[in-house]
Amino acid sequence: KETTSSMSLPITNLNKYLGGNVQTGRLGEWNLESIVKDIIPNNKYFFQHMINPKTQNQVDCAVETTNKILIPIDSKFYAAQYAAYQEATKKIERDKILNELKRSIENDADAIKEKYIVKNITSNIGVLYTPSEGLVSMVNLIDGLRESLLKEKNILILGPNSLAGFLDSIRMGHDAVELNEKAELIGKIINE
């Protein structure tokens, strides 16, 4: 009895986090922050960053490219749809949940495009980050969603693994620039 009662509080708290509220969103932001800090150089990312000087909107993360353009990354955690999908036993229930997820993602993609893609400040592509590979698998079940978001709204949907790969390619660009700068400095010293 003691073991059961001592476990009920953590389980209740976990259910609150996964229930689709502000705390759930924060969990996604922490996950995003952890991945970005592990891969991107310290001075090349900004959290809760105000990209557009004309608004007060803050993107969860902005990553700077080698040409000083920002890539907006906004974290979304569709935990309620994920949990409902896992519990659904009939195809009609699962299809309904996938349609709800599709609408949510399309609305969030519209918001990212409208709020965070700014000419001459950001890239023309934004990232909708979902901090769960399980959610990414659900997104992949929705025919054509990824392609239509990229083609029509310039939004990439990335999970933890694909975001890490995406960020690593940006990091390699920064490493190449730093290496070239050091090579130029060494060349100047040698020529003196």
N, C-alpha and C. Protein backbone atom coordinates (compact mmCIF):
# COMPACT_ATOMS: atom_id res chain seq x y z
N LYS A 1 0.83 -1.20 0.00
CA LYS A 1 0.00 0.00 0.00
C LYS A 1 0.87 1.26 0.00
N GLU A 2 1.93 1.23 0.80
CA GLU A 2 2.81 2.41 0.86
C GLU A 2 3.46 2.67 -0.50
N THR A 3 3.91 1.61 -1.16
CA THR A 3 4.54 1.77 -2.47
C THR A 3 3.54 2.33 -3.47
N THR A 4 2.33 1.81 -3.46
CA THR A 4 1.30 2.29 -4.38
C THR A 4 0.97 3.75 -4.14
N SER A 5 0.81 4.14 -2.88
CA SER A 5 0.47 5.53 -2.60
C SER A 5 1.63 6.47 -2.88
N SER A 6 2.87 6.00 -2.66
CA SER A 6 4.03 6.86 -2.95
C SER A 6 4.22 7.07 -4.45
N MET A 7 3.72 6.14 -5.26
CA MET A 7 3.85 6.27 -6.72
C MET A 7 2.72 7.07 -7.33
N SER A 8 1.61 7.20 -6.64
CA SER A 8 0.45 7.86 -7.24
C SER A 8 0.70 9.34 -7.49
N LEU A 9 1.42 10.02 -6.62
CA LEU A 9 1.69 11.44 -6.83
C LEU A 9 2.56 11.68 -8.07
N PRO A 10 3.70 10.97 -8.23
CA PRO A 10 4.48 11.17 -9.46
C PRO A 10 3.69 10.85 -10.72
N ILE A 11 2.87 9.80 -10.69
CA ILE A 11 2.07 9.44 -11.86
C ILE A 11 1.05 10.53 -12.15
N THR A 12 0.42 11.06 -11.11
CA THR A 12 -0.54 12.16 -11.29
C THR A 12 0.15 13.37 -11.91
N ASN A 13 1.34 13.70 -11.41
CA ASN A 13 2.08 14.84 -11.96
C ASN A 13 2.48 14.60 -13.40
N LEU A 14 2.89 13.37 -13.73
CA LEU A 14 3.25 13.05 -15.11
C LEU A 14 2.04 13.20 -16.02
N ASN A 15 0.90 12.74 -15.57
CA ASN A 15 -0.32 12.89 -16.37
C ASN A 15 -0.66 14.35 -16.60
N LYS A 16 -0.41 15.21 -15.61
CA LYS A 16 -0.64 16.65 -15.80
C LYS A 16 0.27 17.19 -16.90
N TYR A 17 1.55 16.77 -16.88
CA TYR A 17 2.49 17.24 -17.90
C TYR A 17 2.09 16.78 -19.29
N LEU A 18 1.57 15.57 -19.36
CA LEU A 18 1.24 15.00 -20.67
C LEU A 18 -0.18 15.31 -21.10
N GLY A 19 -0.89 16.11 -20.35
CA GLY A 19 -2.29 16.37 -20.64
C GLY A 19 -2.54 17.46 -21.65
N GLY A 20 -1.52 18.12 -22.17
CA GLY A 20 -1.73 19.13 -23.20
C GLY A 20 -1.95 20.52 -22.63
N ASN A 21 -1.23 20.89 -21.59
CA ASN A 21 -1.38 22.21 -21.01
C ASN A 21 -0.08 22.99 -21.14
N VAL A 22 0.01 24.12 -20.46
CA VAL A 22 1.21 24.97 -20.53
C VAL A 22 2.45 24.22 -20.05
N GLN A 23 2.28 23.40 -19.01
CA GLN A 23 3.42 22.64 -18.50
C GLN A 23 3.94 21.68 -19.56
N THR A 24 3.04 21.09 -20.32
CA THR A 24 3.45 20.20 -21.40
C THR A 24 4.28 20.96 -22.42
N GLY A 25 3.85 22.15 -22.78
CA GLY A 25 4.60 22.99 -23.70
C GLY A 25 5.98 23.29 -23.17
N ARG A 26 6.08 23.55 -21.89
CA ARG A 26 7.37 23.84 -21.28
C ARG A 26 8.30 22.63 -21.35
N LEU A 27 7.72 21.44 -21.18
CA LEU A 27 8.50 20.22 -21.29
C LEU A 27 9.13 20.11 -22.68
N GLY A 28 8.36 20.45 -23.71
CA GLY A 28 8.88 20.46 -25.08
C GLY A 28 9.98 21.48 -25.26
N GLU A 29 9.80 22.66 -24.65
CA GLU A 29 10.82 23.71 -24.74
C GLU A 29 12.12 23.28 -24.05
N TRP A 30 12.01 22.61 -22.91
CA TRP A 30 13.21 22.12 -22.21
C TRP A 30 13.95 21.11 -23.08
N ASN A 31 13.20 20.24 -23.72
CA ASN A 31 13.79 19.24 -24.59
C ASN A 31 14.51 19.91 -25.76
N LEU A 32 13.86 20.89 -26.37
CA LEU A 32 14.45 21.66 -27.47
C LEU A 32 15.73 22.35 -27.00
N GLU A 33 15.66 22.99 -25.86
CA GLU A 33 16.81 23.71 -25.31
C GLU A 33 18.00 22.77 -25.10
N SER A 34 17.73 21.60 -24.58
CA SER A 34 18.78 20.63 -24.32
C SER A 34 19.49 20.22 -25.61
N ILE A 35 18.73 19.94 -26.65
CA ILE A 35 19.31 19.51 -27.93
C ILE A 35 20.13 20.65 -28.55
N VAL A 36 19.57 21.86 -28.55
CA VAL A 36 20.27 23.00 -29.16
C VAL A 36 21.58 23.28 -28.42
N LYS A 37 21.54 23.29 -27.09
CA LYS A 37 22.76 23.58 -26.32
C LYS A 37 23.83 22.52 -26.51
N ASP A 38 23.42 21.29 -26.76
CA ASP A 38 24.40 20.22 -26.97
C ASP A 38 25.09 20.31 -28.32
N ILE A 39 24.46 20.97 -29.31
CA ILE A 39 24.99 20.92 -30.68
C ILE A 39 25.51 22.26 -31.19
N ILE A 40 24.78 23.32 -30.96
CA ILE A 40 25.11 24.62 -31.56
C ILE A 40 26.08 25.40 -30.66
N PRO A 41 27.06 26.11 -31.23
CA PRO A 41 27.96 26.94 -30.41
C PRO A 41 27.17 27.97 -29.59
N ASN A 42 27.68 28.27 -28.40
CA ASN A 42 26.97 29.11 -27.42
C ASN A 42 26.42 30.43 -27.94
N ASN A 43 27.16 31.12 -28.75
CA ASN A 43 26.72 32.45 -29.18
C ASN A 43 25.91 32.43 -30.48
N LYS A 44 25.44 31.25 -30.88
CA LYS A 44 24.73 31.12 -32.16
C LYS A 44 23.26 30.70 -31.99
N TYR A 45 22.75 30.76 -30.79
CA TYR A 45 21.33 30.46 -30.56
C TYR A 45 20.76 31.40 -29.50
N PHE A 46 19.45 31.59 -29.57
CA PHE A 46 18.76 32.50 -28.65
C PHE A 46 17.42 31.86 -28.28
N PHE A 47 17.13 31.78 -26.98
CA PHE A 47 15.86 31.22 -26.53
C PHE A 47 14.89 32.34 -26.17
N GLN A 48 13.59 32.07 -26.41
CA GLN A 48 12.54 33.06 -26.18
C GLN A 48 12.96 34.39 -26.82
N HIS A 49 13.25 34.31 -28.10
CA HIS A 49 13.82 35.43 -28.85
C HIS A 49 12.74 36.19 -29.63
N MET A 50 12.78 37.50 -29.54
CA MET A 50 11.86 38.35 -30.28
C MET A 50 12.48 38.62 -31.65
N ILE A 51 12.01 37.90 -32.65
CA ILE A 51 12.57 37.99 -34.00
C ILE A 51 12.11 39.25 -34.71
N ASN A 52 10.82 39.49 -34.65
CA ASN A 52 10.23 40.61 -35.39
C ASN A 52 10.18 41.84 -34.48
N PRO A 53 10.93 42.89 -34.83
CA PRO A 53 10.95 44.08 -33.98
C PRO A 53 9.59 44.79 -33.91
N LYS A 54 8.66 44.46 -34.80
CA LYS A 54 7.35 45.11 -34.82
C LYS A 54 6.33 44.43 -33.91
N THR A 55 6.67 43.25 -33.37
CA THR A 55 5.74 42.54 -32.50
C THR A 55 6.42 42.13 -31.20
N GLN A 56 5.63 41.64 -30.29
CA GLN A 56 6.16 41.14 -29.01
C GLN A 56 6.27 39.61 -29.02
N ASN A 57 6.04 38.98 -30.17
CA ASN A 57 6.07 37.52 -30.26
C ASN A 57 7.48 37.00 -30.05
N GLN A 58 7.59 35.98 -29.19
CA GLN A 58 8.88 35.37 -28.94
C GLN A 58 8.87 33.91 -29.39
N VAL A 59 9.80 33.56 -30.25
CA VAL A 59 9.93 32.19 -30.71
C VAL A 59 10.70 31.41 -29.64
N ASP A 60 10.41 30.11 -29.53
CA ASP A 60 11.08 29.30 -28.52
C ASP A 60 12.59 29.31 -28.70
N CYS A 61 13.04 29.24 -29.95
CA CYS A 61 14.47 29.25 -30.22
C CYS A 61 14.74 29.82 -31.61
N ALA A 62 15.80 30.59 -31.72
CA ALA A 62 16.28 31.08 -33.02
C ALA A 62 17.75 30.68 -33.12
N VAL A 63 18.08 29.99 -34.20
CA VAL A 63 19.45 29.55 -34.43
C VAL A 63 20.03 30.37 -35.57
N GLU A 64 21.23 30.89 -35.34
CA GLU A 64 21.89 31.74 -36.33
C GLU A 64 22.70 30.90 -37.31
N THR A 65 22.54 31.19 -38.59
CA THR A 65 23.32 30.50 -39.62
C THR A 65 24.64 31.26 -39.83
N THR A 66 25.49 30.71 -40.68
CA THR A 66 26.79 31.34 -40.92
C THR A 66 26.65 32.70 -41.61
N ASN A 67 25.53 32.93 -42.30
CA ASN A 67 25.34 34.25 -42.93
C ASN A 67 24.44 35.16 -42.10
N LYS A 68 24.37 34.89 -40.79
CA LYS A 68 23.69 35.75 -39.80
C LYS A 68 22.17 35.78 -39.95
N ILE A 69 21.61 34.82 -40.65
CA ILE A 69 20.16 34.69 -40.78
C ILE A 69 19.68 33.76 -39.67
N LEU A 70 18.53 34.05 -39.08
CA LEU A 70 17.99 33.23 -38.00
C LEU A 70 17.01 32.19 -38.55
N ILE A 71 17.05 31.01 -37.96
CA ILE A 71 16.07 29.97 -38.26
C ILE A 71 15.17 29.84 -37.04
N PRO A 72 13.87 30.18 -37.18
CA PRO A 72 12.96 30.07 -36.04
C PRO A 72 12.54 28.62 -35.80
N ILE A 73 12.59 28.20 -34.53
CA ILE A 73 12.17 26.86 -34.13
C ILE A 73 11.15 27.00 -33.01
N ASP A 74 9.96 26.51 -33.24
CA ASP A 74 8.91 26.59 -32.23
C ASP A 74 8.51 25.17 -31.82
N SER A 75 8.49 24.92 -30.53
CA SER A 75 8.20 23.60 -30.00
C SER A 75 6.71 23.42 -29.74
N LYS A 76 6.17 22.30 -30.19
CA LYS A 76 4.76 21.97 -29.96
C LYS A 76 4.68 20.52 -29.50
N PHE A 77 3.94 20.29 -28.43
CA PHE A 77 3.83 18.95 -27.87
C PHE A 77 2.36 18.55 -27.87
N TYR A 78 1.99 17.65 -28.78
CA TYR A 78 0.60 17.23 -28.94
C TYR A 78 0.34 15.98 -28.10
N ALA A 79 0.58 16.09 -26.82
CA ALA A 79 0.52 14.94 -25.92
C ALA A 79 -0.89 14.36 -25.81
N ALA A 80 -1.90 15.22 -25.79
CA ALA A 80 -3.27 14.72 -25.65
C ALA A 80 -3.66 13.85 -26.84
N GLN A 81 -3.33 14.30 -28.06
CA GLN A 81 -3.63 13.51 -29.25
C GLN A 81 -2.84 12.20 -29.25
N TYR A 82 -1.59 12.28 -28.81
CA TYR A 82 -0.77 11.08 -28.77
C TYR A 82 -1.37 10.05 -27.81
N ALA A 83 -1.73 10.50 -26.61
CA ALA A 83 -2.31 9.60 -25.61
C ALA A 83 -3.63 9.01 -26.12
N ALA A 84 -4.46 9.85 -26.73
CA ALA A 84 -5.75 9.38 -27.25
C ALA A 84 -5.53 8.35 -28.36
N TYR A 85 -4.55 8.58 -29.21
CA TYR A 85 -4.26 7.65 -30.31
C TYR A 85 -3.82 6.30 -29.76
N GLN A 86 -2.99 6.33 -28.71
CA GLN A 86 -2.50 5.09 -28.11
C GLN A 86 -3.64 4.29 -27.48
N GLU A 87 -4.64 4.99 -26.96
CA GLU A 87 -5.77 4.32 -26.30
C GLU A 87 -6.85 3.89 -27.28
N ALA A 88 -6.88 4.49 -28.47
CA ALA A 88 -7.93 4.17 -29.45
C ALA A 88 -7.80 2.73 -29.91
N THR A 89 -8.94 2.06 -30.03
CA THR A 89 -8.93 0.65 -30.43
C THR A 89 -9.52 0.44 -31.82
N LYS A 90 -10.22 1.44 -32.33
CA LYS A 90 -10.87 1.30 -33.64
C LYS A 90 -10.24 2.26 -34.64
N LYS A 91 -10.22 1.81 -35.90
CA LYS A 91 -9.64 2.64 -36.97
C LYS A 91 -10.34 3.98 -37.09
N ILE A 92 -11.64 4.02 -36.95
CA ILE A 92 -12.38 5.28 -37.06
C ILE A 92 -11.96 6.27 -35.98
N GLU A 93 -11.70 5.75 -34.77
CA GLU A 93 -11.23 6.62 -33.68
C GLU A 93 -9.84 7.17 -34.01
N ARG A 94 -8.97 6.29 -34.49
CA ARG A 94 -7.61 6.73 -34.82
C ARG A 94 -7.60 7.74 -35.96
N ASP A 95 -8.44 7.51 -36.96
CA ASP A 95 -8.52 8.46 -38.08
C ASP A 95 -9.00 9.82 -37.60
N LYS A 96 -9.97 9.83 -36.69
CA LYS A 96 -10.48 11.09 -36.14
C LYS A 96 -9.37 11.83 -35.39
N ILE A 97 -8.60 11.11 -34.60
CA ILE A 97 -7.50 11.72 -33.83
C ILE A 97 -6.43 12.26 -34.78
N LEU A 98 -6.11 11.51 -35.83
CA LEU A 98 -5.12 11.98 -36.82
C LEU A 98 -5.61 13.24 -37.52
N ASN A 99 -6.91 13.34 -37.81
CA ASN A 99 -7.46 14.56 -38.42
C ASN A 99 -7.35 15.74 -37.46
N GLU A 100 -7.61 15.51 -36.17
CA GLU A 100 -7.45 16.57 -35.16
C GLU A 100 -5.99 17.02 -35.08
N LEU A 101 -5.09 16.05 -35.09
CA LEU A 101 -3.66 16.36 -35.05
C LEU A 101 -3.26 17.17 -36.28
N LYS A 102 -3.77 16.76 -37.44
CA LYS A 102 -3.46 17.48 -38.68
C LYS A 102 -3.91 18.94 -38.58
N ARG A 103 -5.13 19.17 -38.11
CA ARG A 103 -5.64 20.54 -37.97
C ARG A 103 -4.78 21.35 -37.00
N SER A 104 -4.42 20.73 -35.87
CA SER A 104 -3.58 21.43 -34.88
C SER A 104 -2.23 21.81 -35.47
N ILE A 105 -1.62 20.88 -36.18
CA ILE A 105 -0.31 21.14 -36.78
C ILE A 105 -0.41 22.21 -37.85
N GLU A 106 -1.43 22.15 -38.69
CA GLU A 106 -1.60 23.17 -39.73
C GLU A 106 -1.81 24.56 -39.11
N ASN A 107 -2.60 24.64 -38.04
CA ASN A 107 -2.80 25.92 -37.36
C ASN A 107 -1.49 26.43 -36.76
N ASP A 108 -0.73 25.54 -36.14
CA ASP A 108 0.54 25.94 -35.55
C ASP A 108 1.54 26.35 -36.63
N ALA A 109 1.53 25.66 -37.76
CA ALA A 109 2.42 26.02 -38.87
C ALA A 109 2.07 27.41 -39.41
N ASP A 110 0.77 27.70 -39.53
CA ASP A 110 0.34 29.04 -39.95
C ASP A 110 0.85 30.10 -38.98
N ALA A 111 0.73 29.81 -37.69
CA ALA A 111 1.18 30.78 -36.67
C ALA A 111 2.69 31.00 -36.75
N ILE A 112 3.44 29.94 -36.93
CA ILE A 112 4.90 30.07 -37.04
C ILE A 112 5.26 30.92 -38.26
N LYS A 113 4.62 30.63 -39.38
CA LYS A 113 4.90 31.40 -40.60
C LYS A 113 4.57 32.87 -40.40
N GLU A 114 3.42 33.13 -39.81
CA GLU A 114 2.97 34.52 -39.63
C GLU A 114 3.81 35.28 -38.61
N LYS A 115 4.13 34.64 -37.51
CA LYS A 115 4.82 35.34 -36.42
C LYS A 115 6.33 35.41 -36.56
N TYR A 116 6.93 34.34 -37.10
CA TYR A 116 8.38 34.20 -36.96
C TYR A 116 9.18 34.19 -38.25
N ILE A 117 8.56 34.17 -39.39
CA ILE A 117 9.32 34.25 -40.63
C ILE A 117 9.27 35.70 -41.12
N VAL A 118 10.42 36.37 -41.05
CA VAL A 118 10.51 37.80 -41.34
C VAL A 118 11.60 38.03 -42.37
N LYS A 119 11.22 38.67 -43.46
CA LYS A 119 12.15 38.92 -44.56
C LYS A 119 13.39 39.67 -44.06
N ASN A 120 14.55 39.24 -44.53
CA ASN A 120 15.87 39.81 -44.21
C ASN A 120 16.32 39.58 -42.77
N ILE A 121 15.52 38.89 -41.96
CA ILE A 121 15.92 38.58 -40.59
C ILE A 121 16.03 37.07 -40.40
N THR A 122 15.06 36.34 -40.96
CA THR A 122 15.05 34.89 -40.80
C THR A 122 15.18 34.20 -42.16
N SER A 123 15.44 32.92 -42.09
CA SER A 123 15.38 32.10 -43.29
C SER A 123 13.92 32.07 -43.74
N ASN A 124 13.69 31.61 -44.94
CA ASN A 124 12.29 31.54 -45.39
C ASN A 124 11.64 30.24 -44.94
N ILE A 125 12.36 29.45 -44.14
CA ILE A 125 11.82 28.20 -43.60
C ILE A 125 11.86 28.25 -42.08
N GLY A 126 10.75 27.84 -41.47
CA GLY A 126 10.67 27.72 -40.02
C GLY A 126 10.55 26.25 -39.64
N VAL A 127 10.79 25.96 -38.36
CA VAL A 127 10.74 24.59 -37.87
C VAL A 127 9.67 24.46 -36.80
N LEU A 128 8.80 23.47 -36.98
CA LEU A 128 7.86 23.08 -35.95
C LEU A 128 8.46 21.82 -35.33
N TYR A 129 8.91 21.96 -34.09
CA TYR A 129 9.59 20.86 -33.41
C TYR A 129 8.62 20.12 -32.50
N THR A 130 8.55 18.79 -32.64
CA THR A 130 7.76 17.99 -31.73
C THR A 130 8.73 17.09 -30.95
N PRO A 131 8.75 17.19 -29.63
CA PRO A 131 9.78 16.53 -28.82
C PRO A 131 9.56 15.05 -28.56
N SER A 132 8.95 14.35 -29.51
CA SER A 132 8.68 12.93 -29.31
C SER A 132 8.73 12.22 -30.66
N GLU A 133 9.53 11.16 -30.73
CA GLU A 133 9.58 10.37 -31.96
C GLU A 133 8.25 9.66 -32.19
N GLY A 134 7.53 9.36 -31.12
CA GLY A 134 6.20 8.77 -31.26
C GLY A 134 5.25 9.72 -31.99
N LEU A 135 5.31 10.99 -31.65
CA LEU A 135 4.50 11.99 -32.33
C LEU A 135 4.92 12.13 -33.80
N VAL A 136 6.21 12.07 -34.05
CA VAL A 136 6.69 12.15 -35.42
C VAL A 136 6.14 10.97 -36.22
N SER A 137 6.10 9.81 -35.61
CA SER A 137 5.53 8.63 -36.29
C SER A 137 4.06 8.85 -36.61
N MET A 138 3.33 9.50 -35.69
CA MET A 138 1.93 9.81 -35.96
C MET A 138 1.81 10.79 -37.13
N VAL A 139 2.66 11.81 -37.14
CA VAL A 139 2.64 12.79 -38.23
C VAL A 139 2.87 12.08 -39.57
N ASN A 140 3.77 11.10 -39.56
CA ASN A 140 4.07 10.37 -40.79
C ASN A 140 2.88 9.55 -41.30
N LEU A 141 1.92 9.27 -40.43
CA LEU A 141 0.72 8.54 -40.83
C LEU A 141 -0.27 9.42 -41.59
N ILE A 142 -0.08 10.74 -41.52
CA ILE A 142 -0.99 11.69 -42.18
C ILE A 142 -0.44 11.95 -43.58
N ASP A 143 -1.10 11.39 -44.57
CA ASP A 143 -0.62 11.47 -45.96
C ASP A 143 -0.39 12.91 -46.41
N GLY A 144 0.83 13.15 -46.88
CA GLY A 144 1.15 14.42 -47.52
C GLY A 144 1.29 15.62 -46.61
N LEU A 145 1.15 15.45 -45.29
CA LEU A 145 1.19 16.61 -44.39
C LEU A 145 2.56 17.29 -44.41
N ARG A 146 3.61 16.52 -44.23
CA ARG A 146 4.96 17.11 -44.22
C ARG A 146 5.25 17.87 -45.51
N GLU A 147 4.93 17.24 -46.64
CA GLU A 147 5.22 17.83 -47.94
C GLU A 147 4.41 19.11 -48.15
N SER A 148 3.14 19.09 -47.79
CA SER A 148 2.29 20.28 -48.01
C SER A 148 2.73 21.43 -47.11
N LEU A 149 3.12 21.12 -45.86
CA LEU A 149 3.58 22.20 -44.97
C LEU A 149 4.86 22.84 -45.50
N LEU A 150 5.76 22.03 -46.01
CA LEU A 150 7.01 22.58 -46.55
C LEU A 150 6.74 23.37 -47.82
N LYS A 151 5.94 22.82 -48.71
CA LYS A 151 5.68 23.46 -50.00
C LYS A 151 4.82 24.71 -49.87
N GLU A 152 3.77 24.65 -49.07
CA GLU A 152 2.80 25.74 -48.99
C GLU A 152 3.10 26.76 -47.88
N LYS A 153 3.73 26.31 -46.80
CA LYS A 153 3.92 27.21 -45.65
C LYS A 153 5.39 27.41 -45.27
N ASN A 154 6.30 26.67 -45.93
CA ASN A 154 7.73 26.74 -45.61
C ASN A 154 8.03 26.33 -44.16
N ILE A 155 7.33 25.29 -43.71
CA ILE A 155 7.52 24.79 -42.35
C ILE A 155 7.97 23.34 -42.38
N LEU A 156 9.08 23.06 -41.70
CA LEU A 156 9.58 21.70 -41.53
C LEU A 156 9.07 21.16 -40.20
N ILE A 157 8.64 19.91 -40.18
CA ILE A 157 8.30 19.25 -38.92
C ILE A 157 9.48 18.35 -38.58
N LEU A 158 10.08 18.58 -37.42
CA LEU A 158 11.23 17.80 -37.00
C LEU A 158 11.02 17.25 -35.59
N GLY A 159 11.46 16.03 -35.38
CA GLY A 159 11.48 15.42 -34.06
C GLY A 159 12.89 15.50 -33.49
N PRO A 160 13.13 14.89 -32.33
CA PRO A 160 14.46 15.00 -31.71
C PRO A 160 15.61 14.52 -32.61
N ASN A 161 15.44 13.39 -33.27
CA ASN A 161 16.53 12.86 -34.10
C ASN A 161 16.79 13.72 -35.33
N SER A 162 15.72 14.09 -36.03
CA SER A 162 15.92 14.89 -37.24
C SER A 162 16.37 16.31 -36.90
N LEU A 163 15.92 16.85 -35.76
CA LEU A 163 16.40 18.18 -35.36
C LEU A 163 17.89 18.13 -35.06
N ALA A 164 18.34 17.09 -34.39
CA ALA A 164 19.76 16.96 -34.08
C ALA A 164 20.59 16.94 -35.37
N GLY A 165 20.14 16.20 -36.37
CA GLY A 165 20.85 16.17 -37.65
C GLY A 165 20.84 17.52 -38.35
N PHE A 166 19.69 18.18 -38.33
CA PHE A 166 19.53 19.51 -38.93
C PHE A 166 20.49 20.51 -38.27
N LEU A 167 20.50 20.51 -36.94
CA LEU A 167 21.37 21.43 -36.20
C LEU A 167 22.84 21.10 -36.40
N ASP A 168 23.16 19.82 -36.52
CA ASP A 168 24.55 19.43 -36.72
C ASP A 168 25.08 19.98 -38.04
N SER A 169 24.23 20.01 -39.07
CA SER A 169 24.69 20.58 -40.35
C SER A 169 24.95 22.08 -40.21
N ILE A 170 24.16 22.77 -39.40
CA ILE A 170 24.40 24.20 -39.14
C ILE A 170 25.69 24.37 -38.36
N ARG A 171 25.91 23.51 -37.36
CA ARG A 171 27.13 23.58 -36.56
C ARG A 171 28.37 23.38 -37.43
N MET A 172 28.30 22.44 -38.39
CA MET A 172 29.45 22.21 -39.28
C MET A 172 29.76 23.45 -40.10
N GLY A 173 28.73 24.19 -40.49
CA GLY A 173 28.95 25.44 -41.20
C GLY A 173 29.70 26.44 -40.33
N HIS A 174 29.31 26.55 -39.06
CA HIS A 174 30.01 27.45 -38.13
C HIS A 174 31.45 26.99 -37.92
N ASP A 175 31.65 25.68 -37.81
CA ASP A 175 33.01 25.15 -37.64
C ASP A 175 33.88 25.50 -38.85
N ALA A 176 33.32 25.39 -40.05
CA ALA A 176 34.09 25.70 -41.26
C ALA A 176 34.47 27.17 -41.30
N VAL A 177 33.55 28.06 -40.93
CA VAL A 177 33.84 29.49 -40.91
C VAL A 177 34.94 29.78 -39.89
N GLU A 178 34.84 29.18 -38.70
CA GLU A 178 35.85 29.40 -37.67
C GLU A 178 37.22 28.88 -38.12
N LEU A 179 37.24 27.74 -38.79
CA LEU A 179 38.49 27.18 -39.29
C LEU A 179 39.11 28.11 -40.34
N ASN A 180 38.29 28.64 -41.24
CA ASN A 180 38.80 29.58 -42.25
C ASN A 180 39.35 30.84 -41.62
N GLU A 181 38.67 31.35 -40.59
CA GLU A 181 39.16 32.55 -39.91
C GLU A 181 40.52 32.29 -39.25
N LYS A 182 40.66 31.13 -38.62
CA LYS A 182 41.93 30.78 -37.98
C LYS A 182 43.03 30.59 -39.02
N ALA A 183 42.69 29.99 -40.16
CA ALA A 183 43.68 29.79 -41.22
C ALA A 183 44.16 31.14 -41.77
N GLU A 184 43.23 32.08 -41.91
CA GLU A 184 43.63 33.42 -42.38
C GLU A 184 44.55 34.09 -41.39
N LEU A 185 44.24 33.97 -40.10
CA LEU A 185 45.07 34.58 -39.04
C LEU A 185 46.47 33.95 -39.04
N ILE A 186 46.54 32.64 -39.18
CA ILE A 186 47.83 31.96 -39.22
C ILE A 186 48.61 32.39 -40.45
N GLY A 187 47.90 32.52 -41.59
CA GLY A 187 48.56 32.97 -42.82
C GLY A 187 49.16 34.36 -42.66
N LYS A 188 48.43 35.26 -41.99
CA LYS A 188 48.94 36.61 -41.76
C LYS A 188 50.18 36.59 -40.87
N ILE A 189 50.12 35.77 -39.83
CA ILE A 189 51.26 35.70 -38.90
C ILE A 189 52.50 35.14 -39.62
N ILE A 190 52.32 34.12 -40.42
CA ILE A 190 53.43 33.51 -41.15
C ILE A 190 54.02 34.50 -42.16
N ASN A 191 53.18 35.29 -42.82
CA ASN A 191 53.64 36.23 -43.84
C ASN A 191 54.32 37.45 -43.25
N GLU A 192 54.22 37.68 -41.95
CA GLU A 192 54.83 38.88 -41.36
C GLU A 192 56.26 38.73 -41.14
